[in-house]
Amino acid sequence: MAIELQLAAARDRDLEFLERLDRLLAMVKSIDPFGKFF
């Protein structure tokens, strides 16, 4: 049971991280629409 809770918490953290990464990428794209930096 405790392990399942830990897994759920880790999954939530991962999703949060991916959402933040998505937002960051969207921001970079809006600043740099032609991808000169990447």
Protein backbone atom coordinates (compact mmCIF):
# COMPACT_ATOMS: atom_id res chain seq x y z
CA MET A 1 0.00 0.00 0.00
CA ALA A 2 2.73 2.44 0.97
CA ILE A 3 4.64 1.51 -2.17
CA GLU A 4 1.58 2.24 -4.33
CA LEU A 5 1.25 5.66 -2.72
CA GLN A 6 4.91 6.36 -3.40
CA LEU A 7 4.48 5.33 -7.04
CA ALA A 8 1.43 7.57 -7.40
CA ALA A 9 3.34 10.49 -5.88
CA ALA A 10 6.29 9.88 -8.22
CA ARG A 11 3.94 9.77 -11.22
CA ASP A 12 2.37 13.08 -10.14
CA ARG A 13 5.82 14.64 -9.83
CA ASP A 14 6.76 13.36 -13.29
CA LEU A 15 3.57 14.77 -14.82
CA GLU A 16 4.17 18.09 -13.11
CA PHE A 17 7.73 18.11 -14.44
CA LEU A 18 6.58 17.29 -17.98
CA GLU A 19 3.95 20.04 -17.85
CA ARG A 20 6.58 22.52 -16.73
CA LEU A 21 8.90 21.34 -19.51
CA ASP A 22 6.08 21.76 -22.04
CA ARG A 23 5.44 25.30 -20.83
CA LEU A 24 9.14 26.10 -21.00
CA LEU A 25 9.37 24.77 -24.56
CA ALA A 26 6.31 26.78 -25.58
CA MET A 27 7.90 29.89 -24.09
CA VAL A 28 11.15 29.26 -25.96
CA LYS A 29 9.24 28.73 -29.20
CA SER A 30 7.36 31.99 -28.76
CA ILE A 31 10.63 33.85 -28.09
CA ASP A 32 12.55 31.98 -30.80
CA PRO A 33 9.99 30.89 -33.43
CA PHE A 34 12.57 29.70 -35.97
CA GLY A 35 14.59 27.60 -33.53
CA LYS A 36 17.85 29.46 -34.03
CA PHE A 37 19.06 28.55 -30.56
CA PHE A 38 18.13 24.86 -30.69
